[in-house]
C-alpha cells in the first residue's frame, strides 16, 4: 500500500483536531468557540498535507483501489 496509509493517517490527525473543536457539546455558539485563527491554521495544515500527496495517488488509469480515497474528479463537482 506504499504511501496510502501514512498519507491517510496525516489527514485523520488534522480531521481529529477539527472535529474535537467543532463538535463540543457546549451550548456556546460556534462563532464564540472557534476562532478565525484556528480555522485558518487548520486550512493551512490541509493545504500543506495536500502538497505532500505523491503523484501515484492522483487520478490515473492504473491506480490501485486503495488510492481511490484521494481521488477527486474536478469535472464532476
PDB file of N, CA and C in Angstrom:
ATOM      1  N   UNK A   1       0.827  -1.203   0.000  1.00  0.00           N
ATOM      2  CA  UNK A   1       0.000   0.000   0.000  1.00  0.00           C
ATOM      3  C   UNK A   1       0.865   1.258   0.000  1.00  0.00           C
ATOM      4  N   UNK A   2       2.159   1.101   0.059  1.00  0.00           N
ATOM      5  CA  UNK A   2       3.066   2.235  -0.110  1.00  0.00           C
ATOM      6  C   UNK A   2       2.777   3.416   0.780  1.00  0.00           C
ATOM      7  N   UNK A   3       2.456   4.527   0.162  1.00  0.00           N
ATOM      8  CA  UNK A   3       2.243   5.783   0.883  1.00  0.00           C
ATOM      9  C   UNK A   3       0.796   6.035   1.292  1.00  0.00           C
ATOM     10  N   UNK A   4      -0.110   5.154   0.952  1.00  0.00           N
ATOM     11  CA  UNK A   4      -1.525   5.386   1.236  1.00  0.00           C
ATOM     12  C   UNK A   4      -1.795   5.523   2.730  1.00  0.00           C
ATOM     13  N   UNK A   5      -1.336   4.566   3.533  1.00  0.00           N
ATOM     14  CA  UNK A   5      -1.628   4.610   4.961  1.00  0.00           C
ATOM     15  C   UNK A   5      -0.997   5.819   5.652  1.00  0.00           C
ATOM     16  N   UNK A   6       0.293   6.109   5.436  1.00  0.00           N
ATOM     17  CA  UNK A   6       0.861   7.297   6.082  1.00  0.00           C
ATOM     18  C   UNK A   6       0.169   8.597   5.670  1.00  0.00           C
ATOM     19  N   UNK A   7      -0.184   8.692   4.399  1.00  0.00           N
ATOM     20  CA  UNK A   7      -0.857   9.904   3.918  1.00  0.00           C
ATOM     21  C   UNK A   7      -2.233  10.041   4.545  1.00  0.00           C
ATOM     22  N   UNK A   8      -2.967   8.947   4.589  1.00  0.00           N
ATOM     23  CA  UNK A   8      -4.296   8.964   5.197  1.00  0.00           C
ATOM     24  C   UNK A   8      -4.207   9.248   6.697  1.00  0.00           C
ATOM     25  N   UNK A   9      -3.214   8.708   7.355  1.00  0.00           N
ATOM     26  CA  UNK A   9      -3.036   8.938   8.797  1.00  0.00           C
ATOM     27  C   UNK A   9      -2.806  10.411   9.097  1.00  0.00           C
ATOM     28  N   UNK A  10      -2.012  11.078   8.281  1.00  0.00           N
ATOM     29  CA  UNK A  10      -1.768  12.513   8.469  1.00  0.00           C
ATOM     30  C   UNK A  10      -3.064  13.307   8.299  1.00  0.00           C
ATOM     31  N   UNK A  11      -3.883  12.903   7.343  1.00  0.00           N
ATOM     32  CA  UNK A  11      -5.164  13.580   7.148  1.00  0.00           C
ATOM     33  C   UNK A  11      -6.062  13.393   8.359  1.00  0.00           C
ATOM     34  N   UNK A  12      -6.127  12.189   8.908  1.00  0.00           N
ATOM     35  CA  UNK A  12      -7.006  11.923  10.041  1.00  0.00           C
ATOM     36  C   UNK A  12      -6.582  12.688  11.285  1.00  0.00           C
ATOM     37  N   UNK A  13      -5.288  12.972  11.437  1.00  0.00           N
ATOM     38  CA  UNK A  13      -4.841  13.793  12.566  1.00  0.00           C
ATOM     39  C   UNK A  13      -5.441  15.195  12.448  1.00  0.00           C
ATOM     40  N   UNK A  14      -5.394  15.752  11.267  1.00  0.00           N
ATOM     41  CA  UNK A  14      -5.962  17.084  11.041  1.00  0.00           C
ATOM     42  C   UNK A  14      -7.473  17.058  11.256  1.00  0.00           C
ATOM     43  N   UNK A  15      -8.137  16.051  10.734  1.00  0.00           N
ATOM     44  CA  UNK A  15      -9.587  15.937  10.899  1.00  0.00           C
ATOM     45  C   UNK A  15      -9.955  15.811  12.372  1.00  0.00           C
ATOM     46  N   UNK A  16      -9.187  15.044  13.133  1.00  0.00           N
ATOM     47  CA  UNK A  16      -9.454  14.886  14.566  1.00  0.00           C
ATOM     48  C   UNK A  16      -9.328  16.214  15.300  1.00  0.00           C
ATOM     49  N   UNK A  17      -8.327  17.007  14.943  1.00  0.00           N
ATOM     50  CA  UNK A  17      -8.167  18.327  15.567  1.00  0.00           C
ATOM     51  C   UNK A  17      -9.386  19.199  15.295  1.00  0.00           C
ATOM     52  N   UNK A  18      -9.850  19.189  14.078  1.00  0.00           N
ATOM     53  CA  UNK A  18     -11.019  19.994  13.706  1.00  0.00           C
ATOM     54  C   UNK A  18     -12.266  19.472  14.410  1.00  0.00           C
ATOM     55  N   UNK A  19     -12.448  18.174  14.357  1.00  0.00           N
ATOM     56  CA  UNK A  19     -13.635  17.549  14.955  1.00  0.00           C
ATOM     57  C   UNK A  19     -13.715  17.801  16.457  1.00  0.00           C
ATOM     58  N   UNK A  20     -12.588  17.782  17.137  1.00  0.00           N
ATOM     59  CA  UNK A  20     -12.605  17.958  18.588  1.00  0.00           C
ATOM     60  C   UNK A  20     -13.046  19.359  18.995  1.00  0.00           C
ATOM     61  N   UNK A  21     -12.806  20.331  18.163  1.00  0.00           N
ATOM     62  CA  UNK A  21     -13.213  21.705  18.454  1.00  0.00           C
ATOM     63  C   UNK A  21     -14.643  21.981  17.998  1.00  0.00           C
ATOM     64  N   UNK A  22     -14.984  21.518  16.820  1.00  0.00           N
ATOM     65  CA  UNK A  22     -16.281  21.860  16.228  1.00  0.00           C
ATOM     66  C   UNK A  22     -17.448  21.069  16.800  1.00  0.00           C
ATOM     67  N   UNK A  23     -17.214  19.921  17.421  1.00  0.00           N
ATOM     68  CA  UNK A  23     -18.338  19.112  17.882  1.00  0.00           C
ATOM     69  C   UNK A  23     -18.453  19.045  19.398  1.00  0.00           C
ATOM     70  N   UNK A  24     -17.959  20.033  20.073  1.00  0.00           N
ATOM     71  CA  UNK A  24     -18.140  20.078  21.520  1.00  0.00           C
ATOM     72  C   UNK A  24     -19.627  20.150  21.844  1.00  0.00           C
ATOM     73  N   UNK A  25     -20.016  19.539  22.941  1.00  0.00           N
ATOM     74  CA  UNK A  25     -21.429  19.547  23.317  1.00  0.00           C
ATOM     75  C   UNK A  25     -21.796  20.790  24.122  1.00  0.00           C
ATOM     76  N   UNK A  26     -20.961  21.775  24.030  1.00  0.00           N
ATOM     77  CA  UNK A  26     -21.182  23.054  24.693  1.00  0.00           C
ATOM     78  C   UNK A  26     -22.273  23.818  23.948  1.00  0.00           C
ATOM     79  N   UNK A  27     -23.104  24.539  24.680  1.00  0.00           N
ATOM     80  CA  UNK A  27     -24.177  25.301  24.038  1.00  0.00           C
ATOM     81  C   UNK A  27     -23.693  26.662  23.528  1.00  0.00           C
ATOM     82  N   UNK A  28     -22.423  26.966  23.744  1.00  0.00           N
ATOM     83  CA  UNK A  28     -21.863  28.223  23.261  1.00  0.00           C
ATOM     84  C   UNK A  28     -21.887  28.231  21.729  1.00  0.00           C
ATOM     85  N   UNK A  29     -22.317  29.316  21.130  1.00  0.00           N
ATOM     86  CA  UNK A  29     -22.339  29.382  19.669  1.00  0.00           C
ATOM     87  C   UNK A  29     -20.952  29.126  19.069  1.00  0.00           C
ATOM     88  N   UNK A  30     -20.942  28.501  17.918  1.00  0.00           N
ATOM     89  CA  UNK A  30     -19.695  28.137  17.250  1.00  0.00           C
ATOM     90  C   UNK A  30     -18.789  29.341  17.036  1.00  0.00           C
ATOM     91  N   UNK A  31     -19.361  30.453  16.663  1.00  0.00           N
ATOM     92  CA  UNK A  31     -18.576  31.651  16.402  1.00  0.00           C
ATOM     93  C   UNK A  31     -17.822  32.108  17.660  1.00  0.00           C
ATOM     94  N   UNK A  32     -18.348  31.798  18.831  1.00  0.00           N
ATOM     95  CA  UNK A  32     -17.687  32.166  20.085  1.00  0.00           C
ATOM     96  C   UNK A  32     -16.683  31.106  20.551  1.00  0.00           C
ATOM     97  N   UNK A  33     -16.818  29.873  20.049  1.00  0.00           N
ATOM     98  CA  UNK A  33     -15.917  28.786  20.463  1.00  0.00           C
ATOM     99  C   UNK A  33     -14.708  28.627  19.559  1.00  0.00           C
ATOM    100  N   UNK A  34     -14.889  28.924  18.284  1.00  0.00           N
ATOM    101  CA  UNK A  34     -13.838  28.658  17.302  1.00  0.00           C
ATOM    102  C   UNK A  34     -13.343  29.979  16.733  1.00  0.00           C
ATOM    103  N   UNK A  35     -12.070  30.219  16.923  1.00  0.00           N
ATOM    104  CA  UNK A  35     -11.512  31.474  16.419  1.00  0.00           C
ATOM    105  C   UNK A  35     -11.203  31.365  14.935  1.00  0.00           C
ATOM    106  N   UNK A  36     -11.164  32.497  14.292  1.00  0.00           N
ATOM    107  CA  UNK A  36     -10.790  32.537  12.886  1.00  0.00           C
ATOM    108  C   UNK A  36      -9.353  32.053  12.714  1.00  0.00           C
ATOM    109  N   UNK A  37      -8.503  32.328  13.698  1.00  0.00           N
ATOM    110  CA  UNK A  37      -7.112  31.876  13.643  1.00  0.00           C
ATOM    111  C   UNK A  37      -7.031  30.349  13.632  1.00  0.00           C
ATOM    112  N   UNK A  38      -7.893  29.673  14.413  1.00  0.00           N
ATOM    113  CA  UNK A  38      -7.912  28.216  14.410  1.00  0.00           C
ATOM    114  C   UNK A  38      -8.334  27.693  13.040  1.00  0.00           C
ATOM    115  N   UNK A  39      -9.394  28.257  12.495  1.00  0.00           N
ATOM    116  CA  UNK A  39      -9.876  27.823  11.186  1.00  0.00           C
ATOM    117  C   UNK A  39      -8.801  28.035  10.124  1.00  0.00           C
ATOM    118  N   UNK A  40      -8.137  29.167  10.168  1.00  0.00           N
ATOM    119  CA  UNK A  40      -7.059  29.445   9.210  1.00  0.00           C
ATOM    120  C   UNK A  40      -5.903  28.469   9.372  1.00  0.00           C
ATOM    121  N   UNK A  41      -5.538  28.151  10.609  1.00  0.00           N
ATOM    122  CA  UNK A  41      -4.423  27.222  10.831  1.00  0.00           C
ATOM    123  C   UNK A  41      -4.757  25.822  10.327  1.00  0.00           C
ATOM    124  N   UNK A  42      -5.986  25.391  10.508  1.00  0.00           N
ATOM    125  CA  UNK A  42      -6.389  24.078  10.010  1.00  0.00           C
ATOM    126  C   UNK A  42      -6.430  24.060   8.486  1.00  0.00           C
ATOM    127  N   UNK A  43      -6.869  25.148   7.901  1.00  0.00           N
ATOM    128  CA  UNK A  43      -6.865  25.271   6.446  1.00  0.00           C
ATOM    129  C   UNK A  43      -5.444  25.183   5.913  1.00  0.00           C
ATOM    130  N   UNK A  44      -4.517  25.873   6.563  1.00  0.00           N
ATOM    131  CA  UNK A  44      -3.116  25.830   6.149  1.00  0.00           C
ATOM    132  C   UNK A  44      -2.543  24.422   6.293  1.00  0.00           C
ATOM    133  N   UNK A  45      -2.933  23.711   7.345  1.00  0.00           N
ATOM    134  CA  UNK A  45      -2.481  22.324   7.524  1.00  0.00           C
ATOM    135  C   UNK A  45      -3.003  21.435   6.408  1.00  0.00           C
ATOM    136  N   UNK A  46      -4.262  21.633   6.025  1.00  0.00           N
ATOM    137  CA  UNK A  46      -4.830  20.850   4.922  1.00  0.00           C
ATOM    138  C   UNK A  46      -4.117  21.134   3.601  1.00  0.00           C
ATOM    139  N   UNK A  47      -3.799  22.401   3.356  1.00  0.00           N
ATOM    140  CA  UNK A  47      -3.063  22.735   2.143  1.00  0.00           C
ATOM    141  C   UNK A  47      -1.670  22.108   2.146  1.00  0.00           C
ATOM    142  N   UNK A  48      -0.993  22.174   3.295  1.00  0.00           N
ATOM    143  CA  UNK A  48       0.337  21.581   3.405  1.00  0.00           C
ATOM    144  C   UNK A  48       0.259  20.066   3.225  1.00  0.00           C
ATOM    145  N   UNK A  49      -0.766  19.445   3.805  1.00  0.00           N
ATOM    146  CA  UNK A  49      -0.952  18.000   3.654  1.00  0.00           C
ATOM    147  C   UNK A  49      -1.167  17.658   2.178  1.00  0.00           C
ATOM    148  N   UNK A  50      -2.001  18.422   1.498  1.00  0.00           N
ATOM    149  CA  UNK A  50      -2.292  18.154   0.093  1.00  0.00           C
ATOM    150  C   UNK A  50      -1.033  18.253  -0.765  1.00  0.00           C
ATOM    151  N   UNK A  51      -0.122  19.118  -0.378  1.00  0.00           N
ATOM    152  CA  UNK A  51       1.129  19.252  -1.121  1.00  0.00           C
ATOM    153  C   UNK A  51       2.038  18.036  -0.965  1.00  0.00           C
ATOM    154  N   UNK A  52       1.778  17.207   0.048  1.00  0.00           N
ATOM    155  CA  UNK A  52       2.634  16.036   0.283  1.00  0.00           C
ATOM    156  C   UNK A  52       2.133  14.783  -0.414  1.00  0.00           C
ATOM    157  N   UNK A  53       0.967  14.850  -1.030  1.00  0.00           N
ATOM    158  CA  UNK A  53       0.417  13.669  -1.698  1.00  0.00           C
ATOM    159  C   UNK A  53       1.290  13.334  -2.903  1.00  0.00           C
ATOM    160  N   UNK A  54       1.761  12.112  -2.943  1.00  0.00           N
ATOM    161  CA  UNK A  54       2.651  11.681  -4.027  1.00  0.00           C
ATOM    162  C   UNK A  54       1.848  11.472  -5.311  1.00  0.00           C
ATOM    163  N   UNK A  55       2.483  11.640  -6.460  1.00  0.00           N
ATOM    164  CA  UNK A  55       1.776  11.524  -7.741  1.00  0.00           C
ATOM    165  C   UNK A  55       1.067  10.184  -7.949  1.00  0.00           C
ATOM    166  N   UNK A  56       1.548   9.109  -7.335  1.00  0.00           N
ATOM    167  CA  UNK A  56       0.919   7.805  -7.511  1.00  0.00           C
ATOM    168  C   UNK A  56      -0.502   7.773  -6.955  1.00  0.00           C
ATOM    169  N   UNK A  57      -0.861   8.722  -6.109  1.00  0.00           N
ATOM    170  CA  UNK A  57      -2.193   8.750  -5.522  1.00  0.00           C
ATOM    171  C   UNK A  57      -3.161   9.632  -6.303  1.00  0.00           C
ATOM    172  N   UNK A  58      -2.652  10.330  -7.290  1.00  0.00           N
ATOM    173  CA  UNK A  58      -3.518  11.174  -8.094  1.00  0.00           C
ATOM    174  C   UNK A  58      -4.287  10.325  -9.093  1.00  0.00           C
ATOM    175  N   UNK A  59      -5.378  10.864  -9.591  1.00  0.00           N
ATOM    176  CA  UNK A  59      -6.230  10.131 -10.530  1.00  0.00           C
ATOM    177  C   UNK A  59      -5.410   9.686 -11.731  1.00  0.00           C
ATOM    178  N   UNK A  60      -5.562   8.414 -12.055  1.00  0.00           N
ATOM    179  CA  UNK A  60      -4.854   7.868 -13.203  1.00  0.00           C
ATOM    180  C   UNK A  60      -5.484   6.565 -13.649  1.00  0.00           C
ATOM    181  N   UNK A  61      -5.090   6.117 -14.799  1.00  0.00           N
ATOM    182  CA  UNK A  61      -5.690   4.928 -15.393  1.00  0.00           C
ATOM    183  C   UNK A  61      -5.326   3.646 -14.646  1.00  0.00           C
ATOM    184  N   UNK A  62      -4.156   3.580 -14.034  1.00  0.00           N
ATOM    185  CA  UNK A  62      -3.676   2.345 -13.433  1.00  0.00           C
ATOM    186  C   UNK A  62      -3.516   2.455 -11.913  1.00  0.00           C
ATOM    187  N   UNK A  63      -4.362   3.209 -11.253  1.00  0.00           N
ATOM    188  CA  UNK A  63      -4.267   3.361  -9.806  1.00  0.00           C
ATOM    189  C   UNK A  63      -4.758   2.115  -9.080  1.00  0.00           C
ATOM    190  N   UNK A  64      -4.172   1.877  -7.901  1.00  0.00           N
ATOM    191  CA  UNK A  64      -4.650   0.806  -7.024  1.00  0.00           C
ATOM    192  C   UNK A  64      -5.952   1.233  -6.378  1.00  0.00           C
ATOM    193  N   UNK A  65      -6.767   0.280  -5.976  1.00  0.00           N
ATOM    194  CA  UNK A  65      -8.070   0.604  -5.387  1.00  0.00           C
ATOM    195  C   UNK A  65      -7.943   1.361  -4.071  1.00  0.00           C
ATOM    196  N   UNK A  66      -6.866   1.135  -3.326  1.00  0.00           N
ATOM    197  CA  UNK A  66      -6.738   1.811  -2.035  1.00  0.00           C
ATOM    198  C   UNK A  66      -6.401   3.291  -2.177  1.00  0.00           C
ATOM    199  N   UNK A  67      -6.096   3.757  -3.358  1.00  0.00           N
ATOM    200  CA  UNK A  67      -5.830   5.176  -3.548  1.00  0.00           C
ATOM    201  C   UNK A  67      -7.082   5.960  -3.949  1.00  0.00           C
ATOM    202  N   UNK A  68      -8.195   5.270  -4.140  1.00  0.00           N
ATOM    203  CA  UNK A  68      -9.424   5.942  -4.565  1.00  0.00           C
ATOM    204  C   UNK A  68      -9.883   6.996  -3.569  1.00  0.00           C
ATOM    205  N   UNK A  69      -9.544   6.826  -2.306  1.00  0.00           N
ATOM    206  CA  UNK A  69      -9.930   7.791  -1.274  1.00  0.00           C
ATOM    207  C   UNK A  69      -9.414   9.189  -1.615  1.00  0.00           C
ATOM    208  N   UNK A  70      -8.252   9.261  -2.242  1.00  0.00           N
ATOM    209  CA  UNK A  70      -7.606  10.541  -2.502  1.00  0.00           C
ATOM    210  C   UNK A  70      -7.969  11.134  -3.849  1.00  0.00           C
ATOM    211  N   UNK A  71      -8.753  10.450  -4.627  1.00  0.00           N
ATOM    212  CA  UNK A  71      -9.023  10.909  -5.980  1.00  0.00           C
ATOM    213  C   UNK A  71     -10.327  11.687  -6.040  1.00  0.00           C
ATOM    214  N   UNK A  72     -10.253  12.794  -6.664  1.00  0.00           N
ATOM    215  CA  UNK A  72     -11.377  13.709  -6.761  1.00  0.00           C
ATOM    216  C   UNK A  72     -11.531  14.136  -8.212  1.00  0.00           C
ATOM    217  N   UNK A  73     -12.686  14.029  -8.733  1.00  0.00           N
ATOM    218  CA  UNK A  73     -12.946  14.412 -10.109  1.00  0.00           C
ATOM    219  C   UNK A  73     -13.440  15.848 -10.128  1.00  0.00           C
ATOM    220  N   UNK A  74     -12.578  16.753 -10.532  1.00  0.00           N
ATOM    221  CA  UNK A  74     -12.908  18.179 -10.545  1.00  0.00           C
ATOM    222  C   UNK A  74     -14.083  18.454 -11.487  1.00  0.00           C
ATOM    223  N   UNK A  75     -14.140  17.751 -12.597  1.00  0.00           N
ATOM    224  CA  UNK A  75     -15.190  17.982 -13.574  1.00  0.00           C
ATOM    225  C   UNK A  75     -16.566  17.552 -13.053  1.00  0.00           C
ATOM    226  N   UNK A  76     -16.606  16.630 -12.107  1.00  0.00           N
ATOM    227  CA  UNK A  76     -17.892  16.142 -11.573  1.00  0.00           C
ATOM    228  C   UNK A  76     -18.462  17.066 -10.512  1.00  0.00           C
ATOM    229  N   UNK A  77     -17.659  17.963  -9.984  1.00  0.00           N
ATOM    230  CA  UNK A  77     -18.147  18.819  -8.896  1.00  0.00           C
ATOM    231  C   UNK A  77     -18.866  20.042  -9.402  1.00  0.00           C
TER     232      UNK A  77
END
